C-alpha atoms as a PDB file:
ATOM      1  CA  MET A   1     -17.112   5.480   5.595  1.00  0.00           C
ATOM      2  CA  PHE A   2     -14.318   7.335   5.641  1.00  0.00           C
ATOM      3  CA  LYS A   3     -12.536   8.567   2.685  1.00  0.00           C
ATOM      4  CA  THR A   4      -8.597   7.885   2.296  1.00  0.00           C
ATOM      5  CA  ILE A   5      -8.314  10.406  -0.743  1.00  0.00           C
ATOM      6  CA  GLU A   6     -10.485  12.752  -1.905  1.00  0.00           C
ATOM      7  CA  PHE A   7      -9.847  15.504  -4.635  1.00  0.00           C
ATOM      8  CA  LYS A   8     -12.219  18.199  -4.759  1.00  0.00           C
ATOM      9  CA  ASP A   9     -12.189  22.109  -5.753  1.00  0.00           C
ATOM     10  CA  SER A  10      -8.713  21.648  -7.271  1.00  0.00           C
ATOM     11  CA  LYS A  11      -7.203  20.344  -3.659  1.00  0.00           C
ATOM     12  CA  LEU A  12      -6.218  16.736  -2.345  1.00  0.00           C
ATOM     13  CA  TYR A  13      -7.627  15.977   0.907  1.00  0.00           C
ATOM     14  CA  LEU A  14      -5.703  12.830   2.445  1.00  0.00           C
ATOM     15  CA  ILE A  15      -6.910  11.210   5.917  1.00  0.00           C
ATOM     16  CA  ASP A  16      -3.965  12.095   8.174  1.00  0.00           C
ATOM     17  CA  GLN A  17      -3.344   8.587   8.823  1.00  0.00           C
ATOM     18  CA  ARG A  18      -0.376  10.039  11.316  1.00  0.00           C
ATOM     19  CA  LYS A  19      -3.233  11.099  13.683  1.00  0.00           C
ATOM     20  CA  LEU A  20      -5.040   8.000  13.817  1.00  0.00           C
ATOM     21  CA  PRO A  21      -6.932   6.421  15.773  1.00  0.00           C
ATOM     22  CA  CYS A  22      -6.941   9.181  18.639  1.00  0.00           C
ATOM     23  CA  GLU A  23      -8.011  11.773  15.744  1.00  0.00           C
ATOM     24  CA  THR A  24      -9.583  11.935  12.441  1.00  0.00           C
ATOM     25  CA  GLN A  25      -8.382  14.772  10.640  1.00  0.00           C
ATOM     26  CA  TYR A  26      -7.556  15.752   6.658  1.00  0.00           C
ATOM     27  CA  PHE A  27      -4.601  16.712   5.465  1.00  0.00           C
ATOM     28  CA  GLN A  28      -4.800  19.467   2.458  1.00  0.00           C
ATOM     29  CA  CYS A  29      -2.763  19.379  -0.318  1.00  0.00           C
ATOM     30  CA  ASN A  30      -2.374  22.503  -2.165  1.00  0.00           C
ATOM     31  CA  ASN A  31       0.064  21.824  -4.329  1.00  0.00           C
ATOM     32  CA  TYR A  32       2.681  18.916  -5.775  1.00  0.00           C
ATOM     33  CA  LYS A  33       5.204  19.688  -3.089  1.00  0.00           C
ATOM     34  CA  ASP A  34       2.573  19.290  -0.489  1.00  0.00           C
ATOM     35  CA  VAL A  35       1.696  15.729  -1.858  1.00  0.00           C
ATOM     36  CA  GLU A  36       5.591  14.655  -1.808  1.00  0.00           C
ATOM     37  CA  PHE A  37       5.474  15.779   1.900  1.00  0.00           C
ATOM     38  CA  ALA A  38       2.468  13.534   2.508  1.00  0.00           C
ATOM     39  CA  ILE A  39       4.079  10.862   0.718  1.00  0.00           C
ATOM     40  CA  LYS A  40       7.243  11.050   2.676  1.00  0.00           C
ATOM     41  CA  ASP A  41       6.151  12.106   5.967  1.00  0.00           C
ATOM     42  CA  MET A  42       3.433   9.071   5.661  1.00  0.00           C
ATOM     43  CA  VAL A  43       0.694  10.949   5.919  1.00  0.00           C
ATOM     44  CA  VAL A  44      -0.553   8.840   3.204  1.00  0.00           C
ATOM     45  CA  ARG A  45       0.798   5.155   2.966  1.00  0.00           C
ATOM     46  CA  GLY A  46      -0.033   1.734   1.359  1.00  0.00           C
ATOM     47  CA  ALA A  47       1.182   1.256  -2.011  1.00  0.00           C
ATOM     48  CA  PRO A  48      -2.009   1.811  -4.062  1.00  0.00           C
ATOM     49  CA  ALA A  49      -3.072   4.793  -2.147  1.00  0.00           C
ATOM     50  CA  ILE A  50       0.453   6.383  -2.677  1.00  0.00           C
ATOM     51  CA  GLY A  51       0.109   5.653  -6.332  1.00  0.00           C
ATOM     52  CA  ALA A  52      -3.434   7.447  -6.395  1.00  0.00           C
ATOM     53  CA  THR A  53      -2.149  10.464  -4.563  1.00  0.00           C
ATOM     54  CA  ALA A  54       0.881  10.959  -6.896  1.00  0.00           C
ATOM     55  CA  ALA A  55      -1.427  10.586  -9.452  1.00  0.00           C
ATOM     56  CA  TYR A  56      -3.297  13.794  -8.043  1.00  0.00           C
ATOM     57  CA  GLY A  57       0.225  15.380  -7.065  1.00  0.00           C
ATOM     58  CA  ALA A  58       0.494  15.474 -11.267  1.00  0.00           C
ATOM     59  CA  VAL A  59      -2.405  17.291 -11.534  1.00  0.00           C
ATOM     60  CA  LEU A  60      -1.895  20.093  -8.878  1.00  0.00           C
ATOM     61  CA  ALA A  61       1.634  20.332 -10.602  1.00  0.00           C
ATOM     62  CA  ALA A  62      -0.171  20.979 -13.936  1.00  0.00           C
ATOM     63  CA  LYS A  63      -2.673  23.331 -11.994  1.00  0.00           C
ATOM     64  CA  GLU A  64       0.618  25.428 -10.582  1.00  0.00           C
ATOM     65  CA  PHE A  65       2.424  25.650 -13.934  1.00  0.00           C
ATOM     66  CA  ILE A  66      -0.761  26.247 -15.994  1.00  0.00           C
ATOM     67  CA  GLU A  67       0.089  30.075 -16.655  1.00  0.00           C
ATOM     68  CA  LEU A  68       3.610  29.131 -18.319  1.00  0.00           C
ATOM     69  CA  ASP A  69       3.995  28.741 -21.697  1.00  0.00           C
ATOM     70  CA  LYS A  70       4.181  25.419 -23.229  1.00  0.00           C
ATOM     71  CA  GLU A  71       7.799  24.573 -23.329  1.00  0.00           C
ATOM     72  CA  ASN A  72       8.366  26.041 -19.622  1.00  0.00           C
ATOM     73  CA  PHE A  73       4.937  24.359 -18.344  1.00  0.00           C
ATOM     74  CA  LEU A  74       6.639  20.809 -19.713  1.00  0.00           C
ATOM     75  CA  LYS A  75       9.805  21.352 -18.295  1.00  0.00           C
ATOM     76  CA  LYS A  76       8.405  22.330 -14.657  1.00  0.00           C
ATOM     77  CA  LEU A  77       5.858  19.820 -15.123  1.00  0.00           C
ATOM     78  CA  ASP A  78       8.571  16.932 -15.672  1.00  0.00           C
ATOM     79  CA  CYS A  79      10.823  18.239 -12.878  1.00  0.00           C
ATOM     80  CA  ALA A  80       7.502  18.223 -10.550  1.00  0.00           C
ATOM     81  CA  LEU A  81       6.876  14.361 -11.892  1.00  0.00           C
ATOM     82  CA  GLU A  82      10.450  13.238 -10.924  1.00  0.00           C
ATOM     83  CA  ILE A  83      10.328  14.983  -7.640  1.00  0.00           C
ATOM     84  CA  LEU A  84       7.244  13.105  -6.844  1.00  0.00           C
ATOM     85  CA  ASN A  85       8.667   9.691  -8.349  1.00  0.00           C
ATOM     86  CA  ASN A  86      11.303   9.765  -5.927  1.00  0.00           C
ATOM     87  CA  SER A  87       9.284  10.812  -2.503  1.00  0.00           C
ATOM     88  CA  ARG A  88       9.872   6.920  -1.520  1.00  0.00           C
ATOM     89  CA  PRO A  89      11.521   4.321  -3.132  1.00  0.00           C
ATOM     90  CA  THR A  90       9.875   0.611  -2.433  1.00  0.00           C
ATOM     91  CA  ALA A  91       6.359   1.032  -3.111  1.00  0.00           C
ATOM     92  CA  VAL A  92       6.148   0.331  -7.104  1.00  0.00           C
ATOM     93  CA  ASN A  93       2.768   1.783  -7.423  1.00  0.00           C
ATOM     94  CA  LEU A  94       4.212   5.436  -7.033  1.00  0.00           C
ATOM     95  CA  MET A  95       6.883   4.598  -9.934  1.00  0.00           C
ATOM     96  CA  TRP A  96       3.758   3.080 -11.867  1.00  0.00           C
ATOM     97  CA  ALA A  97       1.513   6.150 -11.468  1.00  0.00           C
ATOM     98  CA  ILE A  98       4.142   8.641 -12.294  1.00  0.00           C
ATOM     99  CA  ARG A  99       4.961   6.829 -15.422  1.00  0.00           C
ATOM    100  CA  ARG A 100       1.698   6.788 -16.357  1.00  0.00           C
ATOM    101  CA  MET A 101       0.974  10.460 -16.148  1.00  0.00           C
ATOM    102  CA  LYS A 102       4.251  10.746 -17.784  1.00  0.00           C
ATOM    103  CA  ASN A 103       3.116   8.871 -20.892  1.00  0.00           C
ATOM    104  CA  LEU A 104      -0.045  10.890 -21.054  1.00  0.00           C
ATOM    105  CA  VAL A 105       2.008  14.272 -21.435  1.00  0.00           C
ATOM    106  CA  TYR A 106       3.875  12.861 -23.653  1.00  0.00           C
ATOM    107  CA  LYS A 107       1.342  11.408 -25.965  1.00  0.00           C
ATOM    108  CA  ASN A 108      -0.611  14.918 -25.557  1.00  0.00           C
ATOM    109  CA  ARG A 109       2.501  17.342 -26.071  1.00  0.00           C
ATOM    110  CA  GLU A 110       0.975  19.027 -28.954  1.00  0.00           C
ATOM    111  CA  SER A 111      -2.019  19.815 -27.136  1.00  0.00           C
ATOM    112  CA  SER A 112      -2.833  23.008 -25.084  1.00  0.00           C
ATOM    113  CA  VAL A 113      -1.556  23.801 -21.715  1.00  0.00           C
ATOM    114  CA  ALA A 114      -5.142  23.565 -20.432  1.00  0.00           C
ATOM    115  CA  GLU A 115      -5.894  20.688 -22.487  1.00  0.00           C
ATOM    116  CA  ILE A 116      -3.265  18.492 -20.901  1.00  0.00           C
ATOM    117  CA  TYR A 117      -4.182  19.698 -17.232  1.00  0.00           C
ATOM    118  CA  ARG A 118      -7.708  18.435 -18.047  1.00  0.00           C
ATOM    119  CA  LYS A 119      -6.399  15.008 -19.498  1.00  0.00           C
ATOM    120  CA  LEU A 120      -3.993  14.690 -16.319  1.00  0.00           C
ATOM    121  CA  LYS A 121      -7.082  15.299 -14.073  1.00  0.00           C
ATOM    122  CA  GLU A 122      -9.274  13.049 -16.115  1.00  0.00           C
ATOM    123  CA  GLU A 123      -6.497  10.216 -15.900  1.00  0.00           C
ATOM    124  CA  ALA A 124      -6.114  10.757 -12.071  1.00  0.00           C
ATOM    125  CA  ASP A 125     -10.096  10.044 -11.763  1.00  0.00           C
ATOM    126  CA  ILE A 126      -9.621   6.729 -13.669  1.00  0.00           C
ATOM    127  CA  ILE A 127      -6.452   5.607 -11.676  1.00  0.00           C
ATOM    128  CA  TYR A 128      -9.063   6.456  -8.455  1.00  0.00           C
ATOM    129  CA  LYS A 129     -12.041   4.519 -10.069  1.00  0.00           C
ATOM    130  CA  GLU A 130      -9.695   1.656 -11.306  1.00  0.00           C
ATOM    131  CA  ASP A 131      -8.495   1.121  -7.519  1.00  0.00           C
ATOM    132  CA  VAL A 132     -11.953   0.743  -6.186  1.00  0.00           C
ATOM    133  CA  ALA A 133     -12.888  -1.624  -8.938  1.00  0.00           C
ATOM    134  CA  THR A 134      -9.531  -3.422  -8.658  1.00  0.00           C
ATOM    135  CA  ASN A 135      -9.992  -3.952  -4.790  1.00  0.00           C
ATOM    136  CA  LYS A 136     -13.375  -5.269  -4.838  1.00  0.00           C
ATOM    137  CA  ALA A 137     -12.521  -8.000  -7.613  1.00  0.00           C
ATOM    138  CA  MET A 138      -9.292  -8.952  -5.229  1.00  0.00           C
ATOM    139  CA  ALA A 139     -11.587  -9.502  -2.361  1.00  0.00           C
ATOM    140  CA  LYS A 140     -13.891 -11.502  -4.542  1.00  0.00           C
ATOM    141  CA  TYR A 141     -11.052 -13.828  -5.495  1.00  0.00           C
ATOM    142  CA  GLY A 142      -9.612 -14.105  -2.242  1.00  0.00           C
ATOM    143  CA  ASN A 143     -12.909 -14.910  -0.358  1.00  0.00           C
ATOM    144  CA  GLU A 144     -12.511 -18.137  -2.178  1.00  0.00           C
ATOM    145  CA  ILE A 145      -9.647 -19.542  -0.225  1.00  0.00           C
ATOM    146  CA  VAL A 146     -11.106 -18.149   3.421  1.00  0.00           C
ATOM    147  CA  PRO A 147     -12.706 -21.183   5.245  1.00  0.00           C
ATOM    148  CA  GLN A 148     -15.811 -20.807   7.561  1.00  0.00           C
ATOM    149  CA  ASN A 149     -14.763 -20.109  11.036  1.00  0.00           C
ATOM    150  CA  ALA A 150     -10.994 -19.259   9.756  1.00  0.00           C
ATOM    151  CA  ARG A 151      -9.024 -17.454  12.342  1.00  0.00           C
ATOM    152  CA  ILE A 152      -7.130 -14.817   9.949  1.00  0.00           C
ATOM    153  CA  LEU A 153      -3.587 -13.351  10.900  1.00  0.00           C
ATOM    154  CA  THR A 154      -2.717  -9.834   9.356  1.00  0.00           C
ATOM    155  CA  HIS A 155       0.417  -7.769   9.302  1.00  0.00           C
ATOM    156  CA  CYS A 156       0.735  -3.824   8.997  1.00  0.00           C
ATOM    157  CA  ASN A 157      -2.175  -2.359   7.494  1.00  0.00           C
ATOM    158  CA  ALA A 158      -3.958  -3.386   4.206  1.00  0.00           C
ATOM    159  CA  GLY A 159      -6.961  -1.961   4.363  1.00  0.00           C
ATOM    160  CA  ALA A 160      -9.015   0.832   2.936  1.00  0.00           C
ATOM    161  CA  LEU A 161      -6.356   3.415   4.395  1.00  0.00           C
ATOM    162  CA  ALA A 162      -3.890   1.672   2.324  1.00  0.00           C
ATOM    163  CA  THR A 163      -5.723   2.165  -1.199  1.00  0.00           C
ATOM    164  CA  VAL A 164      -8.552   4.511  -2.273  1.00  0.00           C
ATOM    165  CA  ALA A 165     -11.072   2.193  -0.998  1.00  0.00           C
ATOM    166  CA  TYR A 166     -11.906  -1.459   0.541  1.00  0.00           C
ATOM    167  CA  GLY A 167      -8.384  -2.628   1.010  1.00  0.00           C
ATOM    168  CA  THR A 168      -6.510  -5.467  -0.332  1.00  0.00           C
ATOM    169  CA  ALA A 169      -5.782  -7.989   2.317  1.00  0.00           C
ATOM    170  CA  LEU A 170      -8.436  -6.602   4.600  1.00  0.00           C
ATOM    171  CA  GLY A 171     -10.651  -6.302   1.569  1.00  0.00           C
ATOM    172  CA  VAL A 172     -10.426 -10.099   1.445  1.00  0.00           C
ATOM    173  CA  ILE A 173     -11.266 -10.075   5.159  1.00  0.00           C
ATOM    174  CA  ARG A 174     -14.239  -7.754   4.933  1.00  0.00           C
ATOM    175  CA  GLU A 175     -15.755  -9.669   1.751  1.00  0.00           C
ATOM    176  CA  ALA A 176     -15.662 -12.856   4.221  1.00  0.00           C
ATOM    177  CA  TYR A 177     -17.099 -11.303   6.563  1.00  0.00           C
ATOM    178  CA  TYR A 178     -19.839  -9.385   4.949  1.00  0.00           C
ATOM    179  CA  GLY A 179     -20.582 -12.525   3.153  1.00  0.00           C
ATOM    180  CA  GLY A 180     -21.370 -14.108   6.305  1.00  0.00           C
ATOM    181  CA  LYS A 181     -18.482 -16.121   6.900  1.00  0.00           C
ATOM    182  CA  GLU A 182     -17.729 -16.098  10.784  1.00  0.00           C
ATOM    183  CA  ILE A 183     -14.070 -15.544  10.954  1.00  0.00           C
ATOM    184  CA  PHE A 184     -11.802 -13.839  13.714  1.00  0.00           C
ATOM    185  CA  VAL A 185      -8.611 -11.474  13.065  1.00  0.00           C
ATOM    186  CA  TYR A 186      -5.292 -11.105  14.654  1.00  0.00           C
ATOM    187  CA  ALA A 187      -3.567  -7.858  14.084  1.00  0.00           C
ATOM    188  CA  ASP A 188       0.243  -7.583  14.545  1.00  0.00           C
ATOM    189  CA  GLU A 189       0.953  -3.944  16.341  1.00  0.00           C
ATOM    190  CA  THR A 190       3.439  -3.948  13.494  1.00  0.00           C
ATOM    191  CA  ARG A 191       6.293  -2.167  15.097  1.00  0.00           C
ATOM    192  CA  PRO A 192       7.954   0.544  14.640  1.00  0.00           C
ATOM    193  CA  ARG A 193       5.248   2.883  13.444  1.00  0.00           C
ATOM    194  CA  LEU A 194       2.375   0.435  14.634  1.00  0.00           C
ATOM    195  CA  GLN A 195       0.232   0.672  11.844  1.00  0.00           C
ATOM    196  CA  GLY A 196      -1.453  -2.577  12.819  1.00  0.00           C
ATOM    197  CA  GLY A 197      -2.241  -1.209  16.150  1.00  0.00           C
ATOM    198  CA  LYS A 198      -3.478   2.328  14.721  1.00  0.00           C
ATOM    199  CA  LEU A 199      -4.736   1.828  11.794  1.00  0.00           C
ATOM    200  CA  THR A 200      -5.876  -1.953  11.007  1.00  0.00           C
ATOM    201  CA  ALA A 201      -7.279  -2.153  14.404  1.00  0.00           C
ATOM    202  CA  TRP A 202      -9.104   0.949  14.091  1.00  0.00           C
ATOM    203  CA  GLU A 203     -10.358  -0.086  10.818  1.00  0.00           C
ATOM    204  CA  LEU A 204     -11.480  -3.669  12.153  1.00  0.00           C
ATOM    205  CA  ILE A 205     -13.148  -1.799  15.085  1.00  0.00           C
ATOM    206  CA  GLN A 206     -15.294   0.686  12.756  1.00  0.00           C
ATOM    207  CA  GLU A 207     -16.827  -2.512  10.862  1.00  0.00           C
ATOM    208  CA  ASN A 208     -17.305  -4.776  14.343  1.00  0.00           C
ATOM    209  CA  ILE A 209     -15.285  -7.369  12.686  1.00  0.00           C
ATOM    210  CA  PRO A 210     -14.168  -9.676  15.624  1.00  0.00           C
ATOM    211  CA  CYS A 211     -10.650  -9.025  16.094  1.00  0.00           C
ATOM    212  CA  LYS A 212      -7.670  -9.109  18.643  1.00  0.00           C
ATOM    213  CA  LEU A 213      -4.451  -6.529  18.428  1.00  0.00           C
ATOM    214  CA  ILE A 214      -1.377  -8.643  19.534  1.00  0.00           C
ATOM    215  CA  PRO A 215       2.405  -7.972  19.727  1.00  0.00           C
ATOM    216  CA  ASP A 216       4.308  -8.894  16.417  1.00  0.00           C
ATOM    217  CA  SER A 217       6.260 -11.146  18.624  1.00  0.00           C
ATOM    218  CA  VAL A 218       3.255 -13.229  19.652  1.00  0.00           C
ATOM    219  CA  ALA A 219       2.298 -14.147  16.202  1.00  0.00           C
ATOM    220  CA  PRO A 220       4.642 -17.221  15.674  1.00  0.00           C
ATOM    221  CA  THR A 221       3.422 -18.480  18.939  1.00  0.00           C
ATOM    222  CA  LEU A 222       0.114 -18.600  17.790  1.00  0.00           C
ATOM    223  CA  ILE A 223       0.937 -20.002  14.424  1.00  0.00           C
ATOM    224  CA  ARG A 224       2.904 -22.987  16.227  1.00  0.00           C
ATOM    225  CA  ASP A 225      -0.045 -23.534  18.502  1.00  0.00           C
ATOM    226  CA  GLY A 226      -2.594 -23.937  15.599  1.00  0.00           C
ATOM    227  CA  LYS A 227      -4.546 -21.002  16.508  1.00  0.00           C
ATOM    228  CA  ILE A 228      -4.046 -19.410  13.097  1.00  0.00           C
ATOM    229  CA  ASP A 229      -5.638 -21.174   9.928  1.00  0.00           C
ATOM    230  CA  LEU A 230      -4.569 -18.314   7.168  1.00  0.00           C
ATOM    231  CA  ILE A 231      -2.220 -15.322   6.596  1.00  0.00           C
ATOM    232  CA  LEU A 232      -2.985 -12.532   4.513  1.00  0.00           C
ATOM    233  CA  VAL A 233      -0.791  -9.419   3.889  1.00  0.00           C
ATOM    234  CA  GLY A 234      -0.380  -6.642   1.390  1.00  0.00           C
ATOM    235  CA  ALA A 235       2.571  -5.946  -0.804  1.00  0.00           C
ATOM    236  CA  ASP A 236       4.721  -2.632  -1.628  1.00  0.00           C
ATOM    237  CA  ARG A 237       6.520  -4.459  -4.551  1.00  0.00           C
ATOM    238  CA  ILE A 238       6.270  -7.925  -6.160  1.00  0.00           C
ATOM    239  CA  ALA A 239       9.167  -9.441  -8.607  1.00  0.00           C
ATOM    240  CA  LEU A 240       8.610 -11.689 -11.387  1.00  0.00           C
ATOM    241  CA  ASN A 241       9.888 -14.677  -9.473  1.00  0.00           C
ATOM    242  CA  GLY A 242       7.161 -13.981  -6.897  1.00  0.00           C
ATOM    243  CA  ASP A 243       9.472 -12.568  -4.005  1.00  0.00           C
ATOM    244  CA  THR A 244       7.421  -9.755  -2.452  1.00  0.00           C
ATOM    245  CA  ALA A 245       8.554  -6.756  -0.456  1.00  0.00           C
ATOM    246  CA  ASN A 246       6.061  -5.518   2.217  1.00  0.00           C
ATOM    247  CA  LYS A 247       6.068  -3.985   5.715  1.00  0.00           C
ATOM    248  CA  ILE A 248       9.193  -5.307   7.980  1.00  0.00           C
ATOM    249  CA  GLY A 249       8.143  -8.522   9.990  1.00  0.00           C
ATOM    250  CA  THR A 250       6.426 -10.061   7.224  1.00  0.00           C
ATOM    251  CA  PHE A 251       9.373 -12.174   5.988  1.00  0.00           C
ATOM    252  CA  MET A 252       9.204 -13.548   9.645  1.00  0.00           C
ATOM    253  CA  LEU A 253       5.841 -14.633   9.629  1.00  0.00           C
ATOM    254  CA  SER A 254       6.185 -16.386   6.216  1.00  0.00           C
ATOM    255  CA  VAL A 255       8.966 -18.478   7.957  1.00  0.00           C
ATOM    256  CA  ALA A 256       6.890 -19.528  10.688  1.00  0.00           C
ATOM    257  CA  ALA A 257       3.985 -20.274   8.389  1.00  0.00           C
ATOM    258  CA  LYS A 258       6.085 -22.590   6.034  1.00  0.00           C
ATOM    259  CA  VAL A 259       7.335 -24.476   9.424  1.00  0.00           C
ATOM    260  CA  TYR A 260       3.786 -25.119  10.599  1.00  0.00           C
ATOM    261  CA  ASN A 261       1.884 -25.478   6.793  1.00  0.00           C
ATOM    262  CA  ILE A 262      -0.392 -22.012   7.489  1.00  0.00           C
ATOM    263  CA  PRO A 263      -1.462 -20.974   3.862  1.00  0.00           C
ATOM    264  CA  PHE A 264       0.275 -17.355   3.312  1.00  0.00           C
ATOM    265  CA  TYR A 265      -1.203 -15.254   0.761  1.00  0.00           C
ATOM    266  CA  ILE A 266      -0.029 -11.567  -0.736  1.00  0.00           C
ATOM    267  CA  VAL A 267      -3.099  -9.764  -1.480  1.00  0.00           C
ATOM    268  CA  ALA A 268      -2.019  -6.985  -4.159  1.00  0.00           C
ATOM    269  CA  PRO A 269      -3.155  -5.407  -7.364  1.00  0.00           C
ATOM    270  CA  THR A 270      -1.160  -6.289 -10.655  1.00  0.00           C
ATOM    271  CA  THR A 271       0.061  -2.572 -10.785  1.00  0.00           C
ATOM    272  CA  THR A 272       2.280  -3.879  -7.377  1.00  0.00           C
ATOM    273  CA  ILE A 273       4.190  -6.384  -9.848  1.00  0.00           C
ATOM    274  CA  ASP A 274       7.371  -4.655 -11.164  1.00  0.00           C
ATOM    275  CA  PHE A 275       7.460  -6.642 -14.486  1.00  0.00           C
ATOM    276  CA  ASP A 276      11.266  -5.139 -14.719  1.00  0.00           C
ATOM    277  CA  ILE A 277      13.171  -6.570 -12.049  1.00  0.00           C
ATOM    278  CA  GLU A 278      13.463 -10.640 -11.710  1.00  0.00           C
ATOM    279  CA  LYS A 279      14.270 -11.194  -7.830  1.00  0.00           C
ATOM    280  CA  GLY A 280      13.617  -9.318  -4.784  1.00  0.00           C
ATOM    281  CA  ASP A 281      16.996  -8.690  -4.191  1.00  0.00           C
ATOM    282  CA  GLU A 282      16.746  -6.094  -6.580  1.00  0.00           C
ATOM    283  CA  ILE A 283      14.233  -4.289  -4.712  1.00  0.00           C
ATOM    284  CA  GLU A 284      15.598  -1.033  -2.836  1.00  0.00           C
ATOM    285  CA  ILE A 285      14.487  -1.329   0.671  1.00  0.00           C
ATOM    286  CA  GLU A 286      13.605   1.941   2.703  1.00  0.00           C
ATOM    287  CA  GLU A 287      15.524   2.858   5.615  1.00  0.00           C
ATOM    288  CA  ARG A 288      13.274   5.049   7.904  1.00  0.00           C
ATOM    289  CA  ASP A 289      14.464   7.798  10.483  1.00  0.00           C
ATOM    290  CA  ILE A 290      15.934   6.236  14.000  1.00  0.00           C
ATOM    291  CA  MET A 291      13.331   8.082  15.942  1.00  0.00           C
ATOM    292  CA  GLU A 292      10.626   5.889  14.609  1.00  0.00           C
ATOM    293  CA  VAL A 293      12.501   3.232  16.733  1.00  0.00           C
ATOM    294  CA  THR A 294      14.010   5.225  19.692  1.00  0.00           C
ATOM    295  CA  HIS A 295      10.454   7.033  20.202  1.00  0.00           C
ATOM    296  CA  ILE A 296       6.812   6.504  20.619  1.00  0.00           C
ATOM    297  CA  ASN A 297       4.666   9.392  19.971  1.00  0.00           C
ATOM    298  CA  GLY A 298       7.643  11.563  20.805  1.00  0.00           C
ATOM    299  CA  VAL A 299       8.496  10.040  23.899  1.00  0.00           C
ATOM    300  CA  ARG A 300      11.833   8.483  23.909  1.00  0.00           C
ATOM    301  CA  ILE A 301      12.122   4.682  24.744  1.00  0.00           C
ATOM    302  CA  ALA A 302      15.983   4.087  24.028  1.00  0.00           C
ATOM    303  CA  PRO A 303      19.020   5.411  25.261  1.00  0.00           C
ATOM    304  CA  GLU A 304      20.817   8.348  23.740  1.00  0.00           C
ATOM    305  CA  ASN A 305      23.295   7.386  21.175  1.00  0.00           C
ATOM    306  CA  ILE A 306      22.032   3.827  20.754  1.00  0.00           C
ATOM    307  CA  GLU A 307      22.590   2.694  16.779  1.00  0.00           C
ATOM    308  CA  VAL A 308      19.760   1.801  15.064  1.00  0.00           C
ATOM    309  CA  TYR A 309      18.760  -0.162  12.107  1.00  0.00           C
ATOM    310  CA  ASN A 310      15.336   0.627  10.536  1.00  0.00           C
ATOM    311  CA  PRO A 311      14.620  -1.079   7.320  1.00  0.00           C
ATOM    312  CA  ALA A 312      10.739  -0.078   6.499  1.00  0.00           C
ATOM    313  CA  PHE A 313      10.585  -3.461   4.487  1.00  0.00           C
ATOM    314  CA  ASP A 314      11.712  -6.943   4.219  1.00  0.00           C
ATOM    315  CA  VAL A 315      11.415  -9.093   1.129  1.00  0.00           C
ATOM    316  CA  THR A 316       9.473 -12.640   1.467  1.00  0.00           C
ATOM    317  CA  PRO A 317      10.855 -15.367  -0.841  1.00  0.00           C
ATOM    318  CA  TRP A 318       8.425 -16.858  -3.521  1.00  0.00           C
ATOM    319  CA  GLU A 319       8.818 -20.548  -2.126  1.00  0.00           C
ATOM    320  CA  ASN A 320       6.967 -19.021   1.365  1.00  0.00           C
ATOM    321  CA  ILE A 321       3.978 -17.705  -0.627  1.00  0.00           C
ATOM    322  CA  THR A 322       0.997 -20.072  -1.249  1.00  0.00           C
ATOM    323  CA  GLY A 323      -0.307 -17.596  -3.835  1.00  0.00           C
ATOM    324  CA  ILE A 324      -0.519 -13.931  -4.951  1.00  0.00           C
ATOM    325  CA  ILE A 325      -4.080 -12.803  -4.855  1.00  0.00           C
ATOM    326  CA  THR A 326      -4.629 -10.126  -7.717  1.00  0.00           C
ATOM    327  CA  GLU A 327      -7.606  -8.722  -9.137  1.00  0.00           C
ATOM    328  CA  LYS A 328      -7.188 -11.028 -12.422  1.00  0.00           C
ATOM    329  CA  GLY A 329      -7.389 -13.910 -10.133  1.00  0.00           C
ATOM    330  CA  ILE A 330      -5.058 -15.922  -7.751  1.00  0.00           C
ATOM    331  CA  VAL A 331      -1.374 -16.454  -8.752  1.00  0.00           C
ATOM    332  CA  ARG A 332       0.470 -19.562  -7.778  1.00  0.00           C
ATOM    333  CA  PRO A 333       3.814 -21.134  -8.486  1.00  0.00           C
ATOM    334  CA  PRO A 334       5.549 -21.362 -10.985  1.00  0.00           C
ATOM    335  CA  TYR A 335       5.306 -17.515 -10.433  1.00  0.00           C
ATOM    336  CA  ARG A 336       7.406 -16.059 -13.044  1.00  0.00           C
ATOM    337  CA  GLU A 337       5.258 -18.055 -15.754  1.00  0.00           C
ATOM    338  CA  ASN A 338       2.036 -17.095 -14.160  1.00  0.00           C
ATOM    339  CA  ILE A 339       2.984 -13.460 -13.644  1.00  0.00           C
ATOM    340  CA  LEU A 340       4.100 -12.787 -16.827  1.00  0.00           C
ATOM    341  CA  GLN A 341       0.354 -13.615 -18.471  1.00  0.00           C
ATOM    342  CA  LEU A 342      -1.031 -10.835 -16.050  1.00  0.00           C
ATOM    343  CA  ARG A 343       1.201  -8.344 -18.120  1.00  0.00           C
END
C-alpha cells in the first residue's frame, strides 16, 4: 500500500499527485516553504491530507528556527504558521491543523525551544494517527448505507490520496468491497484537473474494485436512467446548516440526485466542519489558474485570449444532502441541531 504522507529523518515525503497515474514519485519537503508549495501546487490535495501535511509543515518550521533564541523562535514560527495557514483558502482542515499547532505553541510558550519542537512533532504524529482511525470509523458507518449490488457514483478523489490513509468516500467503498458486497463504481473524471481520472481510477484499479471512468457530463444521464443507486463524495468544508463545499461539479450531481431520488451522501471527518460559519455562502471559494482549463498536460486546447472562470469548488445546499457520514456516525437533518452535537 502506498503512503500519501510520511515523515522520516526530519523530512516530509508526499506522493506527488501531479505525476499520477503515469509515475509514482515522492516530493521531498525539507522546510515549511516546501510544504507551502506542495499544498498550493496540489502535490498534495484532499482536505484531511492537507491538514496532516500542514501539521508537519509546522514541525519543519520549528526545526528550521530551533537555533534561535526563544523570542525570535516564536516570532519566526508564528509567521511560518500564518504562511502555511494561507496556502489554500477553502479546505478547513488546513486551518484546523494550524490552529491546533498554534494552540500547542501557546500552551508551551514557557518551555524550551527544543521542547516546543518535540511537542509539535508529537502533535503532528497524533494528527496523522487520528486521521487513519477516523477514516476507518467513517468507513464502518458508511458501509451501513451501501446496499448489496450497489452501483456507486463518486466525484473527484476522496480516497487514500486525499487523506493519510484509507480515504473518506472511497474508504466507504473499500469497506463495502472488502466486506464482500458486490459493488460497481462509476468515477467522474472531474475536470479540469482530472482527479477522478488520474487518482480515483488509479486507486480503484490498484485494488481491483470493479469500476468505470466516465466524463463528468455522463453522470446525470446515468442517474436519470436508473443506473446509479448511491452517490458518495468527500468535502472540503461543511457549514453548520449542512451546506457543503466540495470539488466543482458536486452541486450538479446533487441536483440530479434530488430530482431522481438517489441517496446523496457526504463523507467527511468532523474536522471538516467549520463550526464558525452558519451557511455555505460564507465559504471562500478558491479560484485557480486559467491554464488548468485552457491546457491539458501542458498542451493548449482552447484559443488564445479566451476568458476563463475556474472555481475549484462549489457548494451543495443542505437540502440536497441525504446525510453526512462522519467518524461519530451519520448526521441527518435537521443538520444544524445535529451537527452541533458533534462539537
